[in-house]
Amino acid sequence: MFDIVVSGGMVVDGTGKPGYAADVGTAGERIAAIGDLRGAVARRVVDARGLVVAPGFIDTHTHSEGDLLTDPQHACGLRQGITTEFLGIDGMSYAPLSPMNYRLYRHWLGGLLGNPSEDLDMSSVAAFRANYHKKCSVNTAYLVPHATVRLEVLGFHDLPLTGDALKKAQRLVREGLEQGAVGLSTGGSYYPGPWGTTQEIAELAKVVKEAGKVYMAEPRRADAARIFRRDGVAEALEVARRTGVKLHFAHHRTAPDTAGQVEHRVAPIDKAKAQGADISLDIYPYPTGASIPVSLLPPWAQEGGPHAILQRLRNPVHRKRMEAELEAEALVVSLNDCVFCCLPNMPHLEGADLPSIAAQRGKRLVEAFCELLLENDLKVGYMGKPPASVALWRQVSRDSMELLARPDYNVCSDITPAGAMCHPRSYGAFPRFLGRLRRQFGTLSLEAMVRRMTDRPARRFGITKRGRIAKGYYADLAIFDADRVIDNATYDDPRRHPSGIPHVMVNGQVAVDNDRCTGILAGQAVP
């Protein structure tokens, strides 16, 4: 007897081989049979006629750790067919941190990760994973974050990570990997990470290499003088060269200012691969990203963490210096494109851009920028405006598909759900690739697309018994209409779920049933 039989669908099993007609039977958490199961006894039959039955999607890049703690149903990811989400991305998250450091970093990251309880145990990777295991709707995997480790060892201070401090940091990374983390991550501008050097990252990556895990790099860009050749991509490649660690680049893509330059973007990576480097990459299908404005403040202004930053914002001398340095760094261009996703003390301004707010206040961009940080206790999130040119946006989409067609890429979402006007990727990344762009450009077959969402990331990061439809594998399934699946989230209306993914199963339980979340929290901490 089966618990569930998914009947009459076309199985696209994640390996890339052609889809085939078959039923899928589950028993408990696992897939028990694949084939003609007509007449089999089951507690429930899910009618998948006319639909594709695929492994649940594995998302290697999200910032969902806060959202999963405050809204464990997490419909934004689950309704996309995502059944496993990676946390601890871009070098920053909640563990391993003492209670004091957890509260401090929770504050600094509030505009991106939201506001989970202050009283959670985040003292180790094991404790972190326990906060999610069978307590949320999706499976979770974790990477030990570089900035978080630096914070725990040195505090929110610009100090060298050498000697005994380095040994402690290496121990924290090693313990995290032993407790189930799938790798180490670094980020572009999330303090205290930018105070680190290329050499310290290499020393931590040696631990990752020894464990056979993966180093995931969002190429560093803040405090460029500390970065190898002042280039984050070159730095990550240098770390891989020095250590032999497996390297994964986070959301490596073209943008409006590099549209059409695919070969240029991947040239240094392909050169390193030709020399023996083991490299993979992921990508989301949008022309702009999202982040937190506090990360843009100068390095000296970050010293001491959130409360010290707020004191400097209140100090006229320090404030004037910050504004001058922001302007000198040529950030005015990016600030012109800044749209606020999250302004917790001014929700009526969520969705407004910085130039319009500055104009209303009669202030320069940098003045309004600093005011908003102060008035919202630093917990501000923003995203970039999409390009006004449809042709330019289409080129970025075409580039995304060209990159995804490579044998070293997989799909990610970069979910950033904080605020009423979050980036549309939080609700639409996977169905945008799976439906809209696959049909528009025809670059990848359905089977090839599914593989980049399932088996490929599972194999790369050692997510065991997931990513394929095979007997004995966990019954994580995404059931969708290949002709109808599409993203509905837009920059001006981002919290819209996709169409065409009526059923999702997580560990053998139906988590989405006829386009409705069931409330079942069957997600596990993996691998």
Foldseek 3Di string as FASTA:
>chain_A
DFAEKAAAAWELFLPLDDTHTWIWTHHFQFTADIHHCPPPDYNYYHYQHLWYKYFQFAFEAALALLVCQVPQLLCLQVLLSHAEYEHCAAQDDQPLADLVLSLQRCLLQCLFRNHHDSPQHRNALLSSQVSAFQSHAHAYAYANGNQRLCCRLPNQALDACDDPNLVSSLVRNLRRVVSGHLYYEHHAQDPPRVSYALVSVLSSLLSCVVSLHEYEYAFHQAPQVRAVVSTRVVSQLVSCVVRVHAYEYEAQAAALVCQPVLCVSCVVVVVSVVVPHHYFYEHFQFRKWKGFCVSLFHSVLCHPGLVSNLVLLVDPVSLVVRLVVCVVVVCVVQLQFKAWQAQPVCLVRHRPGQVVVCVVVVHDSSNSSSVSCNVRSSNTMIMGHGDPDPVSSVSRNVRNLVVLLDPRYAYHQHARPHHQQGALSSNFGSLAVQEVSCVVPVSDDNSSNLSSRFVNVCVNSVFPLGRTRDGPRGPWIWMFNSHQWHRDADNNRRPDHTPTGQWTDHSRHTQHHGNRGPPRSNYRHTD
